[in-house]
N, C-alpha and C. Protein backbone atom coordinates (compact mmCIF):
# COMPACT_ATOMS: atom_id res chain seq x y z
N UNK A 1 -31.80 36.69 -3.81
CA UNK A 1 -30.87 35.87 -4.80
C UNK A 1 -31.68 34.73 -5.63
N UNK A 2 -31.93 34.47 -6.74
CA UNK A 2 -32.63 33.77 -7.58
C UNK A 2 -31.71 32.17 -7.84
N UNK A 3 -32.67 31.45 -7.54
CA UNK A 3 -31.84 30.33 -8.13
C UNK A 3 -31.43 30.19 -9.27
N UNK A 4 -30.59 29.53 -9.64
CA UNK A 4 -29.92 29.26 -11.27
C UNK A 4 -30.96 28.00 -11.58
N UNK A 5 -31.51 28.50 -13.00
CA UNK A 5 -32.50 27.15 -13.47
C UNK A 5 -31.34 25.96 -13.75
N UNK A 6 -31.90 24.69 -13.64
CA UNK A 6 -30.83 23.49 -13.55
C UNK A 6 -30.36 23.22 -14.91
N UNK A 7 -29.25 22.57 -15.19
CA UNK A 7 -28.84 22.29 -16.24
C UNK A 7 -29.92 21.65 -17.23
N UNK A 8 -29.66 22.13 -18.57
CA UNK A 8 -30.33 21.19 -19.56
C UNK A 8 -29.99 20.04 -19.81
N UNK A 9 -30.86 19.06 -20.23
CA UNK A 9 -30.48 17.25 -20.37
C UNK A 9 -30.59 17.21 -21.47
N UNK A 10 -29.80 17.36 -22.21
CA UNK A 10 -29.71 17.12 -23.80
C UNK A 10 -28.98 16.12 -24.13
N UNK A 11 -29.34 15.30 -25.28
CA UNK A 11 -28.37 14.04 -25.68
C UNK A 11 -27.44 14.33 -26.29
N UNK A 12 -26.14 13.60 -26.44
CA UNK A 12 -25.10 14.19 -27.58
C UNK A 12 -25.93 13.91 -29.00
N UNK A 13 -26.87 13.30 -29.23
CA UNK A 13 -27.41 13.31 -30.59
C UNK A 13 -28.28 14.83 -30.55
N UNK A 14 -28.86 15.12 -29.25
CA UNK A 14 -29.42 16.90 -29.21
C UNK A 14 -28.60 17.40 -29.44
N UNK A 15 -27.38 17.50 -29.09
CA UNK A 15 -26.30 18.57 -29.19
C UNK A 15 -25.39 18.59 -30.76
N UNK A 16 -25.59 17.41 -31.25
CA UNK A 16 -25.19 17.46 -32.50
C UNK A 16 -26.39 18.20 -33.33
N UNK A 17 -27.15 17.86 -32.85
CA UNK A 17 -28.36 18.67 -34.14
C UNK A 17 -28.09 19.83 -33.99
N UNK A 18 -28.02 20.43 -32.73
CA UNK A 18 -27.94 22.03 -32.45
C UNK A 18 -26.47 22.42 -33.05
N UNK A 19 -25.60 21.66 -33.37
CA UNK A 19 -23.82 22.10 -34.00
C UNK A 19 -24.56 21.96 -35.21
N UNK A 20 -25.10 21.22 -35.57
CA UNK A 20 -25.66 21.27 -37.33
C UNK A 20 -26.45 22.53 -37.39
N UNK A 21 -27.25 23.27 -36.47
CA UNK A 21 -27.68 24.69 -36.66
C UNK A 21 -26.80 25.51 -37.02
N UNK A 22 -25.90 25.84 -36.11
CA UNK A 22 -24.97 26.39 -35.81
C UNK A 22 -23.95 26.45 -37.05
N UNK A 23 -23.86 25.35 -37.82
CA UNK A 23 -23.07 25.27 -39.21
C UNK A 23 -23.71 25.82 -40.48
N UNK A 24 -25.39 25.56 -40.01
CA UNK A 24 -25.87 26.16 -41.22
C UNK A 24 -26.28 27.87 -40.75
N UNK A 25 -26.13 28.26 -39.73
CA UNK A 25 -26.19 29.68 -39.61
C UNK A 25 -25.01 30.11 -40.09
N UNK A 26 -23.83 29.44 -40.15
CA UNK A 26 -22.65 30.02 -40.70
C UNK A 26 -22.45 29.86 -41.74
N UNK A 27 -23.26 29.03 -42.60
CA UNK A 27 -23.60 28.90 -44.22
C UNK A 27 -24.52 29.95 -44.61
N UNK A 28 -25.33 30.54 -43.87
CA UNK A 28 -26.10 31.32 -44.07
C UNK A 28 -25.50 32.66 -44.18
N UNK A 29 -24.41 33.04 -43.09
CA UNK A 29 -23.74 34.20 -43.18
C UNK A 29 -22.65 34.19 -44.40
N UNK A 30 -22.07 32.83 -44.65
CA UNK A 30 -21.10 33.12 -45.71
C UNK A 30 -22.03 33.44 -46.80
N UNK A 31 -23.24 33.17 -47.33
CA UNK A 31 -23.76 33.55 -48.36
C UNK A 31 -24.73 34.86 -47.99
N UNK A 32 -23.84 35.48 -47.17
CA UNK A 32 -24.30 37.00 -47.19
C UNK A 32 -25.99 37.23 -46.39
N UNK A 33 -26.32 36.31 -45.45
CA UNK A 33 -27.20 36.39 -45.19
C UNK A 33 -27.48 36.24 -43.64
N UNK A 34 -28.50 36.95 -43.16
CA UNK A 34 -28.44 36.70 -41.81
C UNK A 34 -28.50 35.25 -40.85
N UNK A 35 -27.70 35.30 -39.64
CA UNK A 35 -26.83 33.85 -39.06
C UNK A 35 -28.06 32.87 -38.75
N UNK A 36 -28.84 32.05 -39.12
CA UNK A 36 -29.92 31.18 -38.61
C UNK A 36 -29.76 30.08 -39.42
N UNK A 37 -29.82 28.96 -38.50
CA UNK A 37 -30.18 27.38 -38.93
C UNK A 37 -30.90 26.54 -38.49
N UNK A 38 -31.75 25.90 -39.05
CA UNK A 38 -32.55 24.84 -38.21
C UNK A 38 -32.91 23.73 -39.06
N UNK A 39 -32.90 22.63 -38.30
CA UNK A 39 -33.15 21.21 -38.76
C UNK A 39 -34.46 20.30 -37.80
N UNK A 40 -34.93 19.80 -39.04
CA UNK A 40 -36.45 19.09 -38.56
C UNK A 40 -35.85 17.71 -38.47
N UNK A 41 -36.47 17.12 -37.01
CA UNK A 41 -36.07 15.76 -36.65
C UNK A 41 -37.01 15.06 -36.48
N UNK A 42 -37.07 13.97 -37.04
CA UNK A 42 -38.40 12.95 -36.39
C UNK A 42 -38.58 12.36 -35.42
N UNK A 43 -39.53 11.73 -34.72
CA UNK A 43 -39.64 10.80 -33.73
C UNK A 43 -38.71 9.94 -33.66
N UNK A 44 -38.23 9.22 -34.77
CA UNK A 44 -37.20 8.19 -34.52
C UNK A 44 -35.58 8.72 -34.74
N UNK A 45 -35.67 10.30 -34.62
CA UNK A 45 -34.20 10.65 -34.48
C UNK A 45 -33.52 11.12 -36.07
N UNK A 46 -34.44 10.76 -37.07
CA UNK A 46 -34.01 10.97 -38.77
C UNK A 46 -34.19 12.50 -38.81
N UNK A 47 -33.14 12.87 -39.31
CA UNK A 47 -33.29 14.30 -40.18
C UNK A 47 -34.04 14.23 -41.03
N UNK A 48 -34.88 15.04 -41.15
CA UNK A 48 -36.14 15.27 -41.73
C UNK A 48 -35.91 16.51 -43.16
N UNK A 49 -35.34 17.26 -42.48
CA UNK A 49 -35.51 18.38 -43.69
C UNK A 49 -34.54 19.23 -42.84
N UNK A 50 -33.94 20.37 -43.45
CA UNK A 50 -33.12 21.19 -42.89
C UNK A 50 -32.96 22.32 -43.85
N UNK A 51 -32.32 23.91 -43.02
CA UNK A 51 -32.53 25.15 -43.91
C UNK A 51 -31.79 26.36 -43.18
N UNK A 52 -31.45 27.04 -43.73
CA UNK A 52 -31.05 28.42 -43.13
C UNK A 52 -31.56 29.28 -43.59
N UNK A 53 -31.06 30.34 -42.99
CA UNK A 53 -31.99 31.62 -43.44
C UNK A 53 -31.71 32.14 -44.66
N UNK A 54 -32.49 32.70 -45.32
CA UNK A 54 -32.44 33.37 -46.88
C UNK A 54 -33.27 34.61 -47.22
N UNK A 55 -33.29 35.34 -46.24
CA UNK A 55 -33.72 36.96 -46.27
C UNK A 55 -33.12 37.70 -47.36
N UNK A 56 -32.06 37.77 -47.68
CA UNK A 56 -31.11 38.47 -48.16
C UNK A 56 -31.70 39.14 -49.74
N UNK A 57 -32.36 37.92 -50.20
CA UNK A 57 -33.16 37.99 -51.60
C UNK A 57 -34.28 39.27 -51.28
N UNK A 58 -34.64 39.51 -50.09
CA UNK A 58 -35.72 40.59 -50.12
C UNK A 58 -37.01 40.31 -49.59
N UNK A 59 -37.11 38.88 -49.44
CA UNK A 59 -38.25 38.34 -48.82
C UNK A 59 -37.91 37.91 -47.21
N UNK A 60 -38.52 38.52 -46.41
CA UNK A 60 -38.03 38.61 -44.47
C UNK A 60 -38.71 37.41 -44.00
N UNK A 61 -39.70 36.89 -44.85
CA UNK A 61 -40.41 35.74 -44.15
C UNK A 61 -39.64 34.55 -44.34
N UNK A 62 -38.40 34.52 -45.17
CA UNK A 62 -37.68 33.55 -45.48
C UNK A 62 -36.73 32.94 -44.47
N UNK A 63 -37.53 32.65 -43.04
CA UNK A 63 -36.54 32.07 -41.98
C UNK A 63 -36.74 30.37 -42.04
N UNK A 64 -35.69 29.86 -41.67
CA UNK A 64 -35.46 28.55 -41.96
C UNK A 64 -36.49 27.55 -41.06
N UNK A 65 -37.04 28.12 -39.66
CA UNK A 65 -37.99 27.59 -39.26
C UNK A 65 -39.64 27.78 -39.79
N UNK A 66 -39.93 28.69 -40.60
CA UNK A 66 -40.71 28.99 -41.18
C UNK A 66 -41.13 28.10 -42.33
N UNK A 67 -39.85 27.93 -43.21
CA UNK A 67 -39.81 26.95 -44.41
C UNK A 67 -39.69 25.76 -43.53
N UNK A 68 -38.93 24.88 -42.32
CA UNK A 68 -39.39 23.75 -42.04
C UNK A 68 -40.82 23.50 -41.71
N UNK A 69 -41.55 24.55 -41.39
CA UNK A 69 -43.08 24.68 -41.01
C UNK A 69 -43.85 23.84 -42.08
N UNK A 70 -43.65 25.13 -43.01
CA UNK A 70 -44.34 24.40 -44.64
C UNK A 70 -44.03 23.22 -45.04
N UNK A 71 -42.55 22.93 -45.18
CA UNK A 71 -41.97 21.63 -45.42
C UNK A 71 -43.30 20.51 -44.67
N UNK A 72 -42.93 20.85 -43.64
CA UNK A 72 -43.61 19.39 -42.76
C UNK A 72 -44.95 19.36 -42.83
N UNK A 73 -45.90 20.66 -43.32
CA UNK A 73 -47.42 20.53 -43.46
C UNK A 73 -47.12 19.73 -44.78
N UNK A 74 -46.51 19.84 -45.68
CA UNK A 74 -46.45 19.30 -47.47
C UNK A 74 -46.44 18.14 -47.13
N UNK A 75 -45.33 17.76 -46.10
CA UNK A 75 -44.92 16.39 -46.28
C UNK A 75 -44.86 15.43 -45.05
N UNK A 76 -45.54 15.91 -44.13
CA UNK A 76 -45.80 14.60 -42.70
C UNK A 76 -47.20 14.64 -42.75
N UNK A 77 -47.70 13.60 -42.18
CA UNK A 77 -48.98 13.45 -41.17
C UNK A 77 -48.99 14.15 -40.14
N UNK A 78 -50.08 14.81 -39.55
CA UNK A 78 -50.36 15.56 -38.71
C UNK A 78 -49.68 14.77 -36.89
N UNK A 79 -50.04 13.66 -36.93
CA UNK A 79 -49.48 12.75 -35.72
C UNK A 79 -47.35 12.80 -36.00
N UNK A 80 -47.06 12.55 -37.21
CA UNK A 80 -45.42 12.73 -37.24
C UNK A 80 -45.01 13.95 -36.59
N UNK A 81 -46.05 14.98 -37.53
CA UNK A 81 -45.49 16.53 -37.56
C UNK A 81 -45.73 16.72 -35.47
N UNK A 82 -46.48 16.36 -34.83
CA UNK A 82 -46.62 16.69 -33.37
C UNK A 82 -45.65 15.95 -33.01
N UNK A 83 -44.92 14.49 -33.01
CA UNK A 83 -44.03 13.78 -32.74
C UNK A 83 -42.44 14.34 -33.01
N UNK A 84 -42.61 15.54 -34.08
CA UNK A 84 -40.99 15.53 -34.73
C UNK A 84 -40.48 16.87 -33.35
N UNK A 85 -39.14 17.21 -33.62
CA UNK A 85 -38.35 18.02 -32.89
C UNK A 85 -37.92 19.22 -33.98
N UNK A 86 -38.23 20.77 -33.74
CA UNK A 86 -37.12 21.41 -34.67
C UNK A 86 -36.15 22.02 -33.68
N UNK A 87 -34.93 21.58 -34.09
CA UNK A 87 -33.83 22.34 -33.47
C UNK A 87 -33.17 23.77 -34.10
N UNK A 88 -33.02 24.95 -33.41
CA UNK A 88 -32.71 26.17 -34.22
C UNK A 88 -31.74 26.53 -33.32
N UNK A 89 -30.93 27.45 -34.19
CA UNK A 89 -29.83 28.36 -33.53
C UNK A 89 -30.54 29.20 -32.93
N UNK A 90 -31.42 30.02 -33.10
CA UNK A 90 -32.25 31.13 -32.41
C UNK A 90 -33.41 30.95 -32.14
N UNK A 91 -34.19 30.87 -31.21
CA UNK A 91 -35.55 31.15 -30.45
C UNK A 91 -36.40 31.71 -31.76
N UNK A 92 -37.34 30.82 -32.12
CA UNK A 92 -38.35 31.27 -33.26
C UNK A 92 -38.45 32.82 -32.91
N UNK A 93 -38.78 33.69 -33.87
CA UNK A 93 -39.63 34.72 -33.70
C UNK A 93 -41.23 34.57 -33.81
N UNK A 94 -41.89 35.51 -33.69
CA UNK A 94 -43.55 35.46 -33.84
C UNK A 94 -44.09 34.75 -34.57
N UNK A 95 -43.52 35.02 -35.94
CA UNK A 95 -43.98 34.46 -37.33
C UNK A 95 -43.47 33.05 -37.42
N UNK A 96 -42.36 32.37 -36.91
CA UNK A 96 -42.07 31.25 -36.94
C UNK A 96 -43.12 30.45 -35.78
N UNK A 97 -42.92 30.83 -34.78
CA UNK A 97 -43.80 30.54 -33.83
C UNK A 97 -45.18 29.92 -34.00
N UNK A 98 -45.73 31.06 -34.68
CA UNK A 98 -47.12 31.09 -35.46
C UNK A 98 -47.24 29.79 -36.29
N UNK A 99 -46.13 29.90 -37.02
CA UNK A 99 -46.11 28.88 -38.24
C UNK A 99 -46.01 27.40 -37.68
N UNK A 100 -45.22 27.20 -36.69
CA UNK A 100 -44.82 26.09 -35.65
C UNK A 100 -46.42 25.54 -34.86
N UNK A 101 -46.79 26.28 -34.18
CA UNK A 101 -48.37 26.16 -33.93
C UNK A 101 -49.23 25.60 -34.55
N UNK A 102 -49.60 26.50 -35.74
CA UNK A 102 -50.38 26.10 -36.84
C UNK A 102 -50.32 24.83 -37.51
N UNK A 103 -48.95 24.57 -37.70
CA UNK A 103 -48.76 23.34 -38.48
C UNK A 103 -48.88 22.32 -37.55
N UNK A 104 -48.72 22.32 -36.22
CA UNK A 104 -49.01 21.44 -35.36
C UNK A 104 -47.68 20.65 -35.08
N UNK A 105 -46.57 21.48 -35.13
CA UNK A 105 -44.99 20.75 -34.87
C UNK A 105 -45.20 20.19 -33.30
N UNK A 106 -44.33 19.71 -33.24
CA UNK A 106 -44.21 19.23 -31.46
C UNK A 106 -42.63 20.13 -30.91
N UNK A 107 -41.61 19.56 -30.37
CA UNK A 107 -40.85 20.09 -29.36
C UNK A 107 -39.88 21.37 -30.30
N UNK A 108 -39.66 22.45 -29.77
CA UNK A 108 -38.76 23.51 -30.23
C UNK A 108 -37.34 23.06 -29.32
N UNK A 109 -35.95 23.18 -29.86
CA UNK A 109 -34.88 23.23 -28.98
C UNK A 109 -34.33 24.19 -29.42
N UNK A 110 -33.76 25.71 -28.68
CA UNK A 110 -32.97 26.81 -29.31
C UNK A 110 -31.78 26.77 -28.62
N UNK A 111 -30.92 26.89 -29.56
CA UNK A 111 -29.37 27.41 -28.69
C UNK A 111 -29.57 28.56 -28.03
N UNK A 112 -29.95 29.73 -28.69
CA UNK A 112 -29.91 30.86 -28.32
C UNK A 112 -31.04 31.58 -28.00
N UNK A 113 -31.55 32.36 -27.07
CA UNK A 113 -32.87 33.07 -27.09
C UNK A 113 -32.90 34.07 -27.90
N UNK A 114 -34.39 34.65 -27.81
CA UNK A 114 -34.27 36.35 -28.65
C UNK A 114 -34.42 37.31 -27.81
N UNK A 115 -34.18 36.92 -26.59
CA UNK A 115 -33.74 37.86 -25.58
C UNK A 115 -32.14 38.59 -25.76
N UNK A 116 -31.34 36.82 -25.65
CA UNK A 116 -30.04 37.33 -26.17
C UNK A 116 -29.71 37.87 -27.28
N UNK A 117 -30.52 37.35 -28.66
CA UNK A 117 -30.43 37.90 -29.97
C UNK A 117 -30.39 39.45 -29.82
N UNK A 118 -31.36 40.17 -29.25
CA UNK A 118 -31.91 41.53 -28.92
C UNK A 118 -30.83 42.61 -28.39
N UNK A 119 -30.23 41.50 -27.35
CA UNK A 119 -29.17 42.36 -26.35
C UNK A 119 -28.16 42.67 -27.35
N UNK A 120 -27.84 41.47 -28.09
CA UNK A 120 -26.27 41.71 -28.77
C UNK A 120 -26.75 42.56 -30.09
N UNK A 121 -27.46 42.75 -30.51
CA UNK A 121 -27.94 43.46 -31.72
C UNK A 121 -27.78 45.08 -31.22
N UNK A 122 -28.60 45.02 -29.73
CA UNK A 122 -28.51 46.42 -29.51
C UNK A 122 -26.99 46.88 -28.94
N UNK A 123 -26.21 46.28 -28.61
CA UNK A 123 -25.07 46.31 -28.41
C UNK A 123 -24.20 46.59 -29.53
N UNK A 124 -24.61 46.09 -30.54
CA UNK A 124 -23.68 46.38 -31.92
C UNK A 124 -24.30 47.53 -32.79
N UNK A 125 -25.49 48.26 -31.90
CA UNK A 125 -26.12 49.52 -32.40
C UNK A 125 -27.21 49.08 -33.59
N UNK A 126 -27.30 47.87 -33.67
CA UNK A 126 -28.31 47.32 -35.10
C UNK A 126 -29.76 47.81 -34.62
N UNK A 127 -30.44 48.80 -35.49
CA UNK A 127 -31.77 49.19 -35.02
C UNK A 127 -32.40 48.27 -34.61
N UNK A 128 -33.60 48.23 -34.15
CA UNK A 128 -34.75 47.24 -33.37
C UNK A 128 -35.39 46.88 -34.41
N UNK A 129 -35.66 45.94 -34.22
CA UNK A 129 -36.45 44.88 -35.10
C UNK A 129 -37.69 45.09 -35.60
N UNK A 130 -38.19 44.83 -36.54
CA UNK A 130 -39.69 45.45 -37.15
C UNK A 130 -40.88 44.87 -36.13
N UNK A 131 -40.44 43.93 -35.69
CA UNK A 131 -41.84 43.35 -35.14
C UNK A 131 -41.57 42.98 -33.33
N UNK A 132 -42.07 42.67 -32.23
CA UNK A 132 -41.44 42.62 -31.00
C UNK A 132 -41.00 41.05 -30.76
N UNK A 133 -40.55 41.10 -30.30
CA UNK A 133 -39.42 39.91 -29.51
C UNK A 133 -40.43 39.47 -28.60
N UNK A 134 -40.57 38.02 -28.88
CA UNK A 134 -41.66 37.48 -27.98
C UNK A 134 -41.13 35.96 -27.88
N UNK A 135 -41.64 35.79 -26.27
CA UNK A 135 -41.39 34.02 -26.45
C UNK A 135 -41.83 33.37 -26.91
N UNK A 136 -41.40 32.08 -27.43
CA UNK A 136 -42.35 31.06 -28.31
C UNK A 136 -43.80 30.94 -27.66
N UNK A 137 -43.57 30.34 -26.22
CA UNK A 137 -44.71 29.93 -25.54
C UNK A 137 -45.60 31.43 -25.62
N UNK A 138 -45.31 32.55 -25.79
CA UNK A 138 -46.60 34.08 -25.80
C UNK A 138 -47.27 33.53 -27.01
N UNK A 139 -46.65 32.91 -27.81
CA UNK A 139 -47.47 33.16 -29.46
C UNK A 139 -47.86 31.59 -29.42
N UNK A 140 -47.14 30.46 -29.24
CA UNK A 140 -47.74 29.23 -29.22
C UNK A 140 -47.55 28.12 -27.94
N UNK A 141 -48.68 28.67 -27.37
CA UNK A 141 -48.37 28.20 -25.91
C UNK A 141 -48.38 26.95 -25.37
N UNK A 142 -48.81 25.81 -26.18
CA UNK A 142 -48.94 24.35 -26.43
C UNK A 142 -47.33 23.87 -26.45
N UNK A 143 -46.71 24.48 -27.16
CA UNK A 143 -45.22 24.11 -27.95
C UNK A 143 -44.39 23.83 -26.85
N UNK A 144 -43.71 22.82 -26.49
CA UNK A 144 -42.69 22.35 -25.41
C UNK A 144 -41.57 23.03 -26.27
N UNK A 145 -41.02 23.83 -25.08
CA UNK A 145 -39.55 24.64 -25.55
C UNK A 145 -38.56 24.55 -24.77
N UNK A 146 -37.65 23.83 -25.11
CA UNK A 146 -36.27 23.72 -24.65
C UNK A 146 -35.06 24.70 -24.86
N UNK A 147 -34.38 25.65 -23.93
CA UNK A 147 -33.72 26.28 -24.61
C UNK A 147 -33.60 27.81 -23.91
N UNK A 148 -32.31 28.64 -23.20
CA UNK A 148 -31.22 28.80 -24.48
C UNK A 148 -30.49 27.41 -24.12
N UNK A 149 -29.19 27.12 -24.99
CA UNK A 149 -28.45 26.22 -24.21
C UNK A 149 -26.92 26.70 -24.27
N UNK A 150 -26.63 27.33 -22.96
CA UNK A 150 -25.37 27.95 -22.89
C UNK A 150 -23.98 27.57 -23.53
N UNK A 151 -23.42 26.43 -24.18
CA UNK A 151 -22.70 26.04 -24.51
C UNK A 151 -22.47 26.44 -25.97
N UNK A 152 -23.71 27.27 -26.41
CA UNK A 152 -23.94 27.54 -27.98
C UNK A 152 -23.57 29.00 -27.74
N UNK A 153 -23.59 29.78 -27.05
CA UNK A 153 -23.79 30.98 -27.14
C UNK A 153 -22.68 31.93 -27.80
N UNK A 154 -21.32 31.41 -27.06
CA UNK A 154 -20.13 32.33 -27.67
C UNK A 154 -20.29 32.09 -29.36
N UNK A 155 -20.69 30.58 -30.06
CA UNK A 155 -20.51 30.57 -31.39
C UNK A 155 -21.51 31.66 -31.97
N UNK A 156 -22.66 31.39 -31.58
CA UNK A 156 -23.84 32.12 -32.28
C UNK A 156 -23.28 33.72 -32.12
N UNK A 157 -23.19 34.11 -31.06
CA UNK A 157 -22.96 35.47 -30.84
C UNK A 157 -21.77 35.97 -31.84
N UNK A 158 -20.67 35.18 -32.05
CA UNK A 158 -19.78 35.67 -32.68
C UNK A 158 -20.15 35.69 -33.99
N UNK A 159 -21.25 34.87 -34.55
CA UNK A 159 -21.76 35.11 -35.94
C UNK A 159 -22.38 36.19 -36.09
N UNK A 160 -22.99 36.56 -35.03
CA UNK A 160 -23.74 37.95 -34.99
C UNK A 160 -23.21 39.24 -35.35
N UNK A 161 -21.75 39.21 -34.53
CA UNK A 161 -21.02 40.19 -34.47
C UNK A 161 -20.05 40.31 -35.94
N UNK A 162 -19.88 38.66 -36.66
CA UNK A 162 -19.52 38.73 -38.05
C UNK A 162 -20.26 39.60 -38.86
N UNK A 163 -21.55 39.28 -38.68
CA UNK A 163 -22.74 39.88 -39.66
C UNK A 163 -22.63 41.42 -39.58
N UNK A 164 -22.33 41.84 -38.30
CA UNK A 164 -23.16 43.47 -38.25
C UNK A 164 -21.71 44.18 -37.81
N UNK A 165 -20.41 43.59 -37.92
CA UNK A 165 -19.61 44.22 -37.69
C UNK A 165 -17.75 43.34 -38.41
N UNK A 166 -18.58 43.44 -39.55
CA UNK A 166 -17.63 43.22 -41.08
C UNK A 166 -16.31 43.54 -41.00
N UNK A 167 -15.28 42.40 -40.71
CA UNK A 167 -13.82 42.86 -40.95
C UNK A 167 -13.40 43.40 -42.31
């Protein structure tokens, strides 16, 4: 028998940022897009930028994590980027993890993992994704990663069910 991982010790503020990510994911879904949302928070706790998935227009690179990395590169000094945290509804894909690493952003806190998403999509009969599902640290080994956060699993799973099994 394996031991359960210790519970995550996230502050109420950090949990609020993840709730905002889930709300942005719902906005993406309401706009006809895949349900993902992310928030970039500075070292002092200030929300600097946020975005939702925007791939429905045909550009599959329009992930919110990628957009926030580009925003950070254009608007933040390297030291500020390194001290920032990206909160996100789903674990970064390989493309977004690479962008995060290249730009030098700090910690990532995600609500649900890529492994969870892959399992949900398989259960829903969705074809496999066009790129490998890798953990963030397989792509950006120096990034501090926190997640998944179990209390968000049901809400995010429901968004993916709604996306792939519309009523």
